[in-house]
Amino acid sequence: PRGRGGGGGGDFNIWYGKKLGRDAKEALQATTRLDPSRDTGRTMATSRGERFCVFFAQGRCTDGPKCEYQHRIPNAEDDKLLSNEVDIFGRERFGTDRDDMGGIGSFSRENTTLYVGKIPDSSKDRDVKKQIREQFGAFGELEAVRIPEGRTCAFIKYRYRGNAELAREAMMGQTLTKGHIILNIK
């Protein structure tokens, strides 16, 4: 379904919450944020081994204990049970990656590394790596955080694919520090 967006003309896609053809640099800031220490809890799925709740990952599940999906951080057991055909949320993966490397990912390979763009310049802010480790580490065990010298991006490697997929969904539309630019995560 398409409707008219406000200002500037052009079609507005109500399902995706953005104008058609919008420049990818114009990301929308998320209005909610997952805090695993606060939001993790028992759900209807806890004993059934169901998929993880994408709304939980985004910090906006309103079903709480009545949700049919998991509300917790994935672990090694979850990763063993994870099929290559779907992501941790049960969404179908594809044969190839999207051209912009966004989306769910490819079933042809395991990917535990996230690209995070638009981070503060690490030469000006020495705490950037620490902030990344703190914020992204909340979603699972990190194997490495690499910030190429002179760049405003980082590569974050998780031990398990499920944690990388949860972190990607959780940090999409978020900022690293208050008042900073919205992160670009792939």
N, C-alpha and C. Protein backbone atom coordinates (compact mmCIF):
# COMPACT_ATOMS: atom_id res chain seq x y z
N PRO A 1 0.82 -1.19 0.00
CA PRO A 1 0.00 0.00 0.00
C PRO A 1 0.86 1.25 0.00
N ARG A 2 0.40 2.20 -0.77
CA ARG A 2 1.14 3.45 -0.84
C ARG A 2 0.19 4.60 -0.58
N GLY A 3 0.70 5.58 0.08
CA GLY A 3 -0.06 6.79 0.35
C GLY A 3 0.81 7.97 0.05
N ARG A 4 0.34 9.14 0.35
CA ARG A 4 1.13 10.34 0.11
C ARG A 4 1.89 10.70 1.38
N GLY A 5 3.18 10.86 1.26
CA GLY A 5 4.01 11.26 2.41
C GLY A 5 3.93 12.77 2.58
N GLY A 6 4.34 13.23 3.70
CA GLY A 6 4.31 14.66 3.96
C GLY A 6 5.49 15.37 3.33
N GLY A 7 5.26 16.49 2.71
CA GLY A 7 6.31 17.36 2.19
C GLY A 7 7.14 16.76 1.08
N GLY A 8 7.60 17.59 0.17
CA GLY A 8 8.53 17.18 -0.85
C GLY A 8 7.96 16.34 -1.96
N GLY A 9 6.71 15.97 -1.92
CA GLY A 9 6.10 15.18 -2.97
C GLY A 9 6.65 13.76 -2.98
N GLY A 10 6.16 12.95 -3.89
CA GLY A 10 6.63 11.57 -4.00
C GLY A 10 5.75 10.62 -3.21
N ASP A 11 5.80 9.35 -3.61
CA ASP A 11 5.01 8.33 -2.93
C ASP A 11 5.65 7.92 -1.62
N PHE A 12 4.81 7.64 -0.63
CA PHE A 12 5.27 7.21 0.69
C PHE A 12 4.76 5.80 0.93
N ASN A 13 5.65 4.85 1.21
CA ASN A 13 5.28 3.47 1.47
C ASN A 13 4.99 3.32 2.95
N ILE A 14 3.71 3.09 3.30
CA ILE A 14 3.33 3.03 4.72
C ILE A 14 3.84 1.77 5.40
N TRP A 15 4.10 0.70 4.64
CA TRP A 15 4.61 -0.53 5.24
C TRP A 15 6.04 -0.37 5.72
N TYR A 16 6.85 0.34 4.94
CA TYR A 16 8.26 0.50 5.28
C TYR A 16 8.55 1.83 5.96
N GLY A 17 7.57 2.72 6.04
CA GLY A 17 7.73 3.98 6.73
C GLY A 17 8.71 4.92 6.07
N LYS A 18 8.78 4.89 4.75
CA LYS A 18 9.70 5.79 4.06
C LYS A 18 9.20 6.08 2.65
N LYS A 19 9.75 7.17 2.10
CA LYS A 19 9.41 7.52 0.72
C LYS A 19 10.06 6.54 -0.23
N LEU A 20 9.38 6.27 -1.33
CA LEU A 20 9.96 5.41 -2.35
C LEU A 20 11.15 6.12 -2.98
N GLY A 21 12.22 5.39 -3.17
CA GLY A 21 13.40 5.97 -3.79
C GLY A 21 14.21 6.84 -2.84
N ARG A 22 13.88 6.84 -1.56
CA ARG A 22 14.61 7.65 -0.59
C ARG A 22 16.07 7.22 -0.57
N ASP A 23 16.94 8.18 -0.43
CA ASP A 23 18.36 7.92 -0.33
C ASP A 23 18.62 7.14 0.95
N ALA A 24 19.43 6.10 0.87
CA ALA A 24 19.72 5.25 2.03
C ALA A 24 20.37 6.04 3.15
N LYS A 25 20.96 7.19 2.84
CA LYS A 25 21.62 7.99 3.86
C LYS A 25 20.61 8.67 4.78
N GLU A 26 19.35 8.70 4.40
CA GLU A 26 18.31 9.35 5.19
C GLU A 26 17.61 8.34 6.10
N ALA A 27 18.35 7.64 6.92
CA ALA A 27 17.78 6.63 7.80
C ALA A 27 16.91 7.29 8.87
N LEU A 28 15.87 6.59 9.26
CA LEU A 28 15.00 7.08 10.32
C LEU A 28 15.50 6.58 11.67
N GLN A 29 15.50 7.45 12.69
CA GLN A 29 15.92 7.04 14.02
C GLN A 29 14.84 6.20 14.67
N ALA A 30 15.26 5.09 15.26
CA ALA A 30 14.34 4.22 15.97
C ALA A 30 13.81 4.94 17.21
N THR A 31 12.55 4.68 17.53
CA THR A 31 11.94 5.31 18.71
C THR A 31 12.05 4.43 19.95
N THR A 32 12.46 3.17 19.76
CA THR A 32 12.63 2.24 20.88
C THR A 32 14.01 1.60 20.78
N ARG A 33 14.46 1.04 21.89
CA ARG A 33 15.77 0.39 21.91
C ARG A 33 15.72 -0.81 22.86
N LEU A 34 16.29 -1.93 22.42
CA LEU A 34 16.33 -3.13 23.25
C LEU A 34 17.35 -2.97 24.37
N ASP A 35 16.92 -3.28 25.57
CA ASP A 35 17.81 -3.36 26.73
C ASP A 35 17.66 -4.79 27.25
N PRO A 36 18.59 -5.69 26.88
CA PRO A 36 18.44 -7.10 27.26
C PRO A 36 18.25 -7.33 28.75
N SER A 37 18.89 -6.52 29.59
CA SER A 37 18.75 -6.73 31.04
C SER A 37 17.34 -6.41 31.52
N ARG A 38 16.65 -5.55 30.82
CA ARG A 38 15.29 -5.15 31.20
C ARG A 38 14.24 -5.94 30.41
N ASP A 39 14.48 -6.18 29.13
CA ASP A 39 13.45 -6.72 28.24
C ASP A 39 13.41 -8.24 28.12
N THR A 40 14.47 -8.93 28.52
CA THR A 40 14.51 -10.39 28.44
C THR A 40 13.52 -10.98 29.43
N GLY A 41 12.79 -12.00 28.99
CA GLY A 41 11.83 -12.62 29.90
C GLY A 41 11.16 -13.84 29.30
N ARG A 42 10.44 -14.54 30.13
CA ARG A 42 9.73 -15.76 29.73
C ARG A 42 8.56 -15.40 28.83
N THR A 43 8.38 -16.21 27.79
CA THR A 43 7.26 -16.03 26.88
C THR A 43 6.58 -17.38 26.65
N MET A 44 5.56 -17.39 25.84
CA MET A 44 4.88 -18.64 25.50
C MET A 44 5.84 -19.59 24.78
N ALA A 45 6.86 -19.06 24.12
CA ALA A 45 7.78 -19.86 23.32
C ALA A 45 8.96 -20.39 24.11
N THR A 46 9.17 -19.92 25.30
CA THR A 46 10.37 -20.27 26.05
C THR A 46 10.59 -21.77 26.15
N SER A 47 9.58 -22.53 26.36
CA SER A 47 9.76 -23.97 26.50
C SER A 47 9.62 -24.72 25.18
N ARG A 48 9.23 -24.05 24.11
CA ARG A 48 9.00 -24.74 22.84
C ARG A 48 10.12 -24.58 21.85
N GLY A 49 11.10 -23.72 22.13
CA GLY A 49 12.21 -23.54 21.20
C GLY A 49 11.83 -22.84 19.90
N GLU A 50 10.89 -21.91 19.97
CA GLU A 50 10.45 -21.18 18.79
C GLU A 50 11.49 -20.14 18.36
N ARG A 51 11.21 -19.46 17.28
CA ARG A 51 12.08 -18.40 16.76
C ARG A 51 12.09 -17.22 17.73
N PHE A 52 12.99 -16.29 17.44
CA PHE A 52 13.12 -15.09 18.28
C PHE A 52 12.21 -13.99 17.75
N CYS A 53 11.76 -13.14 18.65
CA CYS A 53 10.82 -12.06 18.31
C CYS A 53 11.57 -10.86 17.74
N VAL A 54 11.25 -10.49 16.52
CA VAL A 54 11.90 -9.36 15.88
C VAL A 54 11.52 -8.06 16.59
N PHE A 55 10.32 -7.99 17.14
CA PHE A 55 9.89 -6.79 17.86
C PHE A 55 10.63 -6.68 19.20
N PHE A 56 10.94 -7.82 19.82
CA PHE A 56 11.79 -7.81 21.02
C PHE A 56 13.15 -7.22 20.67
N ALA A 57 13.73 -7.67 19.55
CA ALA A 57 15.05 -7.17 19.12
C ALA A 57 15.01 -5.66 18.90
N GLN A 58 13.89 -5.16 18.45
CA GLN A 58 13.74 -3.71 18.20
C GLN A 58 13.32 -2.96 19.47
N GLY A 59 13.11 -3.69 20.56
CA GLY A 59 12.72 -3.06 21.82
C GLY A 59 11.29 -2.58 21.84
N ARG A 60 10.42 -3.23 21.04
CA ARG A 60 9.05 -2.74 20.97
C ARG A 60 7.97 -3.83 20.96
N CYS A 61 8.26 -5.00 21.52
CA CYS A 61 7.23 -6.04 21.60
C CYS A 61 6.27 -5.70 22.74
N THR A 62 5.01 -5.65 22.42
CA THR A 62 4.00 -5.30 23.42
C THR A 62 3.30 -6.54 23.99
N ASP A 63 3.63 -7.74 23.47
CA ASP A 63 2.96 -8.96 23.93
C ASP A 63 3.54 -9.52 25.22
N GLY A 64 4.80 -9.18 25.52
CA GLY A 64 5.44 -9.64 26.75
C GLY A 64 5.34 -11.14 26.92
N PRO A 65 4.85 -11.63 28.09
CA PRO A 65 4.79 -13.07 28.36
C PRO A 65 3.85 -13.83 27.41
N LYS A 66 2.96 -13.12 26.74
CA LYS A 66 2.02 -13.77 25.82
C LYS A 66 2.57 -13.91 24.41
N CYS A 67 3.77 -13.39 24.16
CA CYS A 67 4.39 -13.48 22.83
C CYS A 67 4.71 -14.93 22.50
N GLU A 68 4.53 -15.31 21.23
CA GLU A 68 4.81 -16.69 20.82
C GLU A 68 6.26 -16.91 20.45
N TYR A 69 7.08 -15.88 20.54
CA TYR A 69 8.49 -15.97 20.16
C TYR A 69 9.40 -15.69 21.35
N GLN A 70 10.66 -16.10 21.22
CA GLN A 70 11.64 -15.96 22.29
C GLN A 70 11.99 -14.50 22.58
N HIS A 71 12.14 -14.15 23.83
CA HIS A 71 12.58 -12.83 24.28
C HIS A 71 13.84 -12.99 25.11
N ARG A 72 14.93 -13.29 24.47
CA ARG A 72 16.21 -13.45 25.15
C ARG A 72 17.34 -13.39 24.13
N ILE A 73 18.57 -13.39 24.62
CA ILE A 73 19.74 -13.36 23.76
C ILE A 73 20.03 -14.80 23.31
N PRO A 74 20.26 -15.02 22.00
CA PRO A 74 20.56 -16.38 21.52
C PRO A 74 21.87 -16.91 22.13
N ASN A 75 21.97 -18.24 22.23
CA ASN A 75 23.17 -18.87 22.78
C ASN A 75 23.69 -19.93 21.81
N ALA A 76 24.70 -20.69 22.24
CA ALA A 76 25.33 -21.71 21.39
C ALA A 76 24.32 -22.77 20.95
N GLU A 77 23.43 -23.18 21.85
CA GLU A 77 22.40 -24.18 21.51
C GLU A 77 21.49 -23.68 20.40
N ASP A 78 21.09 -22.41 20.50
CA ASP A 78 20.22 -21.83 19.47
C ASP A 78 20.93 -21.83 18.12
N ASP A 79 22.22 -21.54 18.13
CA ASP A 79 22.97 -21.49 16.88
C ASP A 79 23.07 -22.88 16.25
N LYS A 80 23.18 -23.92 17.06
CA LYS A 80 23.23 -25.30 16.53
C LYS A 80 21.91 -25.67 15.86
N LEU A 81 20.79 -25.17 16.42
CA LEU A 81 19.47 -25.49 15.88
C LEU A 81 19.08 -24.62 14.69
N LEU A 82 19.85 -23.56 14.45
CA LEU A 82 19.51 -22.58 13.41
C LEU A 82 19.77 -23.13 12.02
N SER A 83 18.74 -23.12 11.20
CA SER A 83 18.85 -23.58 9.81
C SER A 83 19.48 -22.49 8.95
N ASN A 84 20.18 -22.89 7.92
CA ASN A 84 20.79 -21.92 6.99
C ASN A 84 19.74 -21.22 6.12
N GLU A 85 18.54 -21.79 6.02
CA GLU A 85 17.51 -21.22 5.16
C GLU A 85 16.78 -20.03 5.77
N VAL A 86 16.87 -19.88 7.11
CA VAL A 86 16.17 -18.78 7.79
C VAL A 86 17.10 -18.08 8.75
N ASP A 87 16.75 -16.85 9.12
CA ASP A 87 17.52 -16.13 10.13
C ASP A 87 16.95 -16.47 11.51
N ILE A 88 17.49 -15.88 12.54
CA ILE A 88 17.10 -16.18 13.93
C ILE A 88 15.63 -15.84 14.20
N PHE A 89 15.05 -14.99 13.35
CA PHE A 89 13.65 -14.59 13.51
C PHE A 89 12.70 -15.43 12.65
N GLY A 90 13.26 -16.37 11.89
CA GLY A 90 12.45 -17.23 11.04
C GLY A 90 12.19 -16.66 9.66
N ARG A 91 12.84 -15.54 9.32
CA ARG A 91 12.67 -14.95 7.99
C ARG A 91 13.55 -15.69 6.99
N GLU A 92 12.99 -15.91 5.80
CA GLU A 92 13.70 -16.65 4.76
C GLU A 92 14.95 -15.90 4.28
N ARG A 93 16.05 -16.63 4.18
CA ARG A 93 17.28 -16.07 3.62
C ARG A 93 17.31 -16.42 2.14
N PHE A 94 18.17 -15.77 1.37
CA PHE A 94 18.18 -15.93 -0.07
C PHE A 94 19.49 -16.53 -0.57
N GLY A 95 19.52 -16.89 -1.85
CA GLY A 95 20.70 -17.51 -2.45
C GLY A 95 21.87 -16.56 -2.59
N THR A 96 21.58 -15.27 -2.72
CA THR A 96 22.65 -14.28 -2.85
C THR A 96 22.33 -13.10 -1.95
N ASP A 97 23.37 -12.33 -1.63
CA ASP A 97 23.17 -11.12 -0.84
C ASP A 97 22.59 -10.03 -1.73
N ARG A 98 21.91 -9.07 -1.12
CA ARG A 98 21.45 -7.90 -1.86
C ARG A 98 22.66 -7.11 -2.35
N ASP A 99 22.48 -6.32 -3.40
CA ASP A 99 23.57 -5.52 -3.94
C ASP A 99 24.16 -4.57 -2.90
N ASP A 100 23.31 -4.02 -2.02
CA ASP A 100 23.79 -3.08 -1.01
C ASP A 100 24.23 -3.78 0.27
N MET A 101 24.23 -5.12 0.27
CA MET A 101 24.62 -5.97 1.41
C MET A 101 23.70 -5.78 2.62
N GLY A 102 22.54 -5.18 2.43
CA GLY A 102 21.55 -5.08 3.49
C GLY A 102 20.70 -6.34 3.47
N GLY A 103 19.61 -6.33 4.15
CA GLY A 103 18.68 -7.45 4.11
C GLY A 103 19.07 -8.57 5.06
N ILE A 104 18.45 -9.73 4.86
CA ILE A 104 18.58 -10.87 5.76
C ILE A 104 19.91 -11.59 5.60
N GLY A 105 20.43 -11.66 4.40
CA GLY A 105 21.68 -12.38 4.15
C GLY A 105 21.46 -13.57 3.24
N SER A 106 22.52 -14.26 2.96
CA SER A 106 22.51 -15.37 2.03
C SER A 106 22.60 -16.69 2.77
N PHE A 107 21.87 -17.71 2.27
CA PHE A 107 21.97 -19.02 2.90
C PHE A 107 23.20 -19.77 2.43
N SER A 108 23.95 -19.18 1.50
CA SER A 108 25.13 -19.86 0.98
C SER A 108 26.35 -19.72 1.90
N ARG A 109 26.24 -18.90 2.95
CA ARG A 109 27.37 -18.76 3.88
C ARG A 109 26.89 -18.31 5.26
N GLU A 110 27.70 -18.65 6.26
CA GLU A 110 27.46 -18.20 7.63
C GLU A 110 28.13 -16.84 7.78
N ASN A 111 27.41 -15.86 8.28
CA ASN A 111 28.01 -14.55 8.48
C ASN A 111 27.81 -14.12 9.93
N THR A 112 28.93 -13.92 10.60
CA THR A 112 28.87 -13.50 12.00
C THR A 112 29.45 -12.09 12.17
N THR A 113 29.76 -11.43 11.06
CA THR A 113 30.38 -10.10 11.12
C THR A 113 29.41 -9.03 10.63
N LEU A 114 29.32 -7.95 11.40
CA LEU A 114 28.50 -6.80 11.01
C LEU A 114 29.40 -5.67 10.57
N TYR A 115 28.97 -4.97 9.52
CA TYR A 115 29.61 -3.71 9.12
C TYR A 115 28.78 -2.62 9.78
N VAL A 116 29.44 -1.73 10.51
CA VAL A 116 28.74 -0.62 11.15
C VAL A 116 29.37 0.67 10.66
N GLY A 117 28.61 1.42 9.88
CA GLY A 117 29.09 2.68 9.34
C GLY A 117 28.53 3.87 10.11
N LYS A 118 29.14 5.02 9.87
CA LYS A 118 28.73 6.29 10.48
C LYS A 118 29.00 6.33 11.98
N ILE A 119 30.10 5.69 12.40
CA ILE A 119 30.50 5.79 13.80
C ILE A 119 31.30 7.08 13.96
N PRO A 120 31.42 7.59 15.19
CA PRO A 120 32.25 8.79 15.39
C PRO A 120 33.70 8.49 14.99
N ASP A 121 34.41 9.49 14.55
CA ASP A 121 35.81 9.35 14.14
C ASP A 121 36.64 8.92 15.35
N SER A 122 37.25 7.75 15.26
CA SER A 122 38.00 7.21 16.41
C SER A 122 39.26 8.01 16.71
N SER A 123 39.76 8.79 15.74
CA SER A 123 40.94 9.62 16.02
C SER A 123 40.56 10.83 16.88
N LYS A 124 39.29 11.22 16.85
CA LYS A 124 38.82 12.35 17.66
C LYS A 124 38.18 11.90 18.96
N ASP A 125 37.62 10.69 18.97
CA ASP A 125 36.94 10.16 20.15
C ASP A 125 37.53 8.79 20.48
N ARG A 126 38.40 8.73 21.45
CA ARG A 126 39.13 7.50 21.78
C ARG A 126 38.23 6.44 22.43
N ASP A 127 37.04 6.81 22.88
CA ASP A 127 36.14 5.86 23.54
C ASP A 127 35.23 5.11 22.58
N VAL A 128 35.37 5.34 21.28
CA VAL A 128 34.47 4.74 20.30
C VAL A 128 34.51 3.21 20.38
N LYS A 129 35.68 2.61 20.41
CA LYS A 129 35.79 1.15 20.45
C LYS A 129 35.16 0.61 21.73
N LYS A 130 35.36 1.30 22.83
CA LYS A 130 34.77 0.89 24.11
C LYS A 130 33.24 0.97 24.04
N GLN A 131 32.72 2.05 23.46
CA GLN A 131 31.27 2.21 23.32
C GLN A 131 30.69 1.10 22.44
N ILE A 132 31.39 0.79 21.35
CA ILE A 132 30.93 -0.28 20.45
C ILE A 132 30.90 -1.61 21.20
N ARG A 133 31.98 -1.92 21.92
CA ARG A 133 32.05 -3.17 22.67
C ARG A 133 30.92 -3.27 23.71
N GLU A 134 30.65 -2.17 24.41
CA GLU A 134 29.59 -2.16 25.43
C GLU A 134 28.22 -2.35 24.80
N GLN A 135 27.92 -1.56 23.76
CA GLN A 135 26.58 -1.59 23.19
C GLN A 135 26.32 -2.85 22.37
N PHE A 136 27.25 -3.26 21.55
CA PHE A 136 27.05 -4.45 20.72
C PHE A 136 27.29 -5.72 21.52
N GLY A 137 28.13 -5.66 22.55
CA GLY A 137 28.40 -6.81 23.39
C GLY A 137 27.20 -7.26 24.20
N ALA A 138 26.23 -6.38 24.38
CA ALA A 138 25.01 -6.73 25.11
C ALA A 138 24.18 -7.79 24.37
N PHE A 139 24.47 -8.00 23.08
CA PHE A 139 23.67 -8.94 22.26
C PHE A 139 24.35 -10.28 22.04
N GLY A 140 25.52 -10.49 22.66
CA GLY A 140 26.20 -11.76 22.51
C GLY A 140 27.70 -11.61 22.57
N GLU A 141 28.37 -12.75 22.59
CA GLU A 141 29.82 -12.78 22.72
C GLU A 141 30.51 -12.24 21.46
N LEU A 142 31.36 -11.23 21.67
CA LEU A 142 32.12 -10.63 20.57
C LEU A 142 33.46 -11.34 20.44
N GLU A 143 33.84 -11.64 19.20
CA GLU A 143 35.18 -12.19 18.96
C GLU A 143 36.16 -11.08 18.63
N ALA A 144 35.69 -10.04 17.92
CA ALA A 144 36.60 -8.95 17.54
C ALA A 144 35.81 -7.71 17.17
N VAL A 145 36.43 -6.56 17.42
CA VAL A 145 35.93 -5.27 16.96
C VAL A 145 37.10 -4.59 16.26
N ARG A 146 36.93 -4.30 14.98
CA ARG A 146 38.02 -3.68 14.21
C ARG A 146 37.54 -2.37 13.61
N ILE A 147 38.31 -1.31 13.85
CA ILE A 147 38.02 0.00 13.26
C ILE A 147 39.21 0.36 12.38
N PRO A 148 39.04 0.32 11.05
CA PRO A 148 40.16 0.68 10.17
C PRO A 148 40.62 2.11 10.43
N GLU A 149 41.91 2.32 10.47
CA GLU A 149 42.47 3.63 10.77
C GLU A 149 41.99 4.68 9.77
N GLY A 150 41.55 5.81 10.33
CA GLY A 150 41.09 6.93 9.50
C GLY A 150 39.70 6.76 8.92
N ARG A 151 38.97 5.71 9.31
CA ARG A 151 37.63 5.45 8.77
C ARG A 151 36.58 5.64 9.86
N THR A 152 35.35 5.89 9.43
CA THR A 152 34.24 6.03 10.38
C THR A 152 33.32 4.81 10.28
N CYS A 153 33.95 3.64 10.27
CA CYS A 153 33.19 2.39 10.24
C CYS A 153 33.91 1.37 11.12
N ALA A 154 33.18 0.32 11.47
CA ALA A 154 33.76 -0.76 12.28
C ALA A 154 33.25 -2.09 11.77
N PHE A 155 34.02 -3.12 12.02
CA PHE A 155 33.62 -4.49 11.71
C PHE A 155 33.54 -5.23 13.03
N ILE A 156 32.35 -5.75 13.34
CA ILE A 156 32.10 -6.39 14.62
C ILE A 156 31.82 -7.86 14.36
N LYS A 157 32.66 -8.72 14.91
CA LYS A 157 32.52 -10.16 14.70
C LYS A 157 31.98 -10.81 15.97
N TYR A 158 30.87 -11.52 15.82
CA TYR A 158 30.25 -12.27 16.91
C TYR A 158 30.68 -13.73 16.84
N ARG A 159 30.56 -14.41 17.94
CA ARG A 159 30.90 -15.83 17.95
C ARG A 159 29.83 -16.64 17.22
N TYR A 160 28.56 -16.23 17.35
CA TYR A 160 27.46 -16.97 16.74
C TYR A 160 26.64 -16.09 15.80
N ARG A 161 26.15 -16.71 14.73
CA ARG A 161 25.35 -16.00 13.73
C ARG A 161 24.08 -15.40 14.33
N GLY A 162 23.41 -16.13 15.22
CA GLY A 162 22.18 -15.64 15.83
C GLY A 162 22.37 -14.33 16.58
N ASN A 163 23.51 -14.19 17.25
CA ASN A 163 23.80 -12.95 17.96
C ASN A 163 24.03 -11.80 17.00
N ALA A 164 24.72 -12.06 15.89
CA ALA A 164 24.95 -11.01 14.89
C ALA A 164 23.62 -10.55 14.29
N GLU A 165 22.73 -11.51 14.00
CA GLU A 165 21.43 -11.15 13.41
C GLU A 165 20.57 -10.37 14.41
N LEU A 166 20.60 -10.76 15.68
CA LEU A 166 19.85 -10.03 16.69
C LEU A 166 20.42 -8.62 16.86
N ALA A 167 21.74 -8.50 16.93
CA ALA A 167 22.38 -7.20 17.11
C ALA A 167 22.09 -6.28 15.93
N ARG A 168 22.10 -6.82 14.73
CA ARG A 168 21.82 -6.01 13.53
C ARG A 168 20.41 -5.42 13.64
N GLU A 169 19.46 -6.25 13.99
CA GLU A 169 18.07 -5.79 14.11
C GLU A 169 17.92 -4.80 15.26
N ALA A 170 18.60 -5.08 16.38
CA ALA A 170 18.49 -4.23 17.56
C ALA A 170 19.12 -2.86 17.37
N MET A 171 20.21 -2.77 16.64
CA MET A 171 20.93 -1.50 16.50
C MET A 171 20.56 -0.73 15.23
N MET A 172 19.72 -1.30 14.40
CA MET A 172 19.26 -0.60 13.20
C MET A 172 18.48 0.65 13.61
N GLY A 173 18.86 1.79 13.09
CA GLY A 173 18.17 3.04 13.40
C GLY A 173 18.61 3.66 14.71
N GLN A 174 19.66 3.13 15.32
CA GLN A 174 20.15 3.64 16.60
C GLN A 174 21.38 4.52 16.40
N THR A 175 21.73 5.25 17.44
CA THR A 175 22.96 6.04 17.44
C THR A 175 23.90 5.43 18.47
N LEU A 176 25.19 5.67 18.29
CA LEU A 176 26.17 5.15 19.24
C LEU A 176 26.20 6.01 20.50
N THR A 177 26.11 7.31 20.29
CA THR A 177 26.07 8.25 21.41
C THR A 177 24.93 9.23 21.17
N LYS A 178 24.41 9.78 22.23
CA LYS A 178 23.29 10.71 22.13
C LYS A 178 23.66 11.90 21.22
N GLY A 179 22.79 12.22 20.30
CA GLY A 179 23.01 13.34 19.39
C GLY A 179 23.90 13.02 18.22
N HIS A 180 24.34 11.76 18.09
CA HIS A 180 25.19 11.37 16.97
C HIS A 180 24.33 10.93 15.80
N ILE A 181 24.97 10.74 14.68
CA ILE A 181 24.32 10.29 13.44
C ILE A 181 23.83 8.84 13.60
N ILE A 182 22.78 8.47 12.89
CA ILE A 182 22.22 7.13 12.95
C ILE A 182 23.19 6.15 12.27
N LEU A 183 23.43 5.02 12.95
CA LEU A 183 24.36 4.02 12.43
C LEU A 183 23.83 3.36 11.16
N ASN A 184 24.74 2.97 10.29
CA ASN A 184 24.43 2.25 9.07
C ASN A 184 24.95 0.83 9.29
N ILE A 185 24.06 -0.14 9.43
CA ILE A 185 24.46 -1.50 9.78
C ILE A 185 24.11 -2.47 8.67
N LYS A 186 25.10 -3.27 8.29
CA LYS A 186 24.90 -4.30 7.24
C LYS A 186 25.58 -5.56 7.66
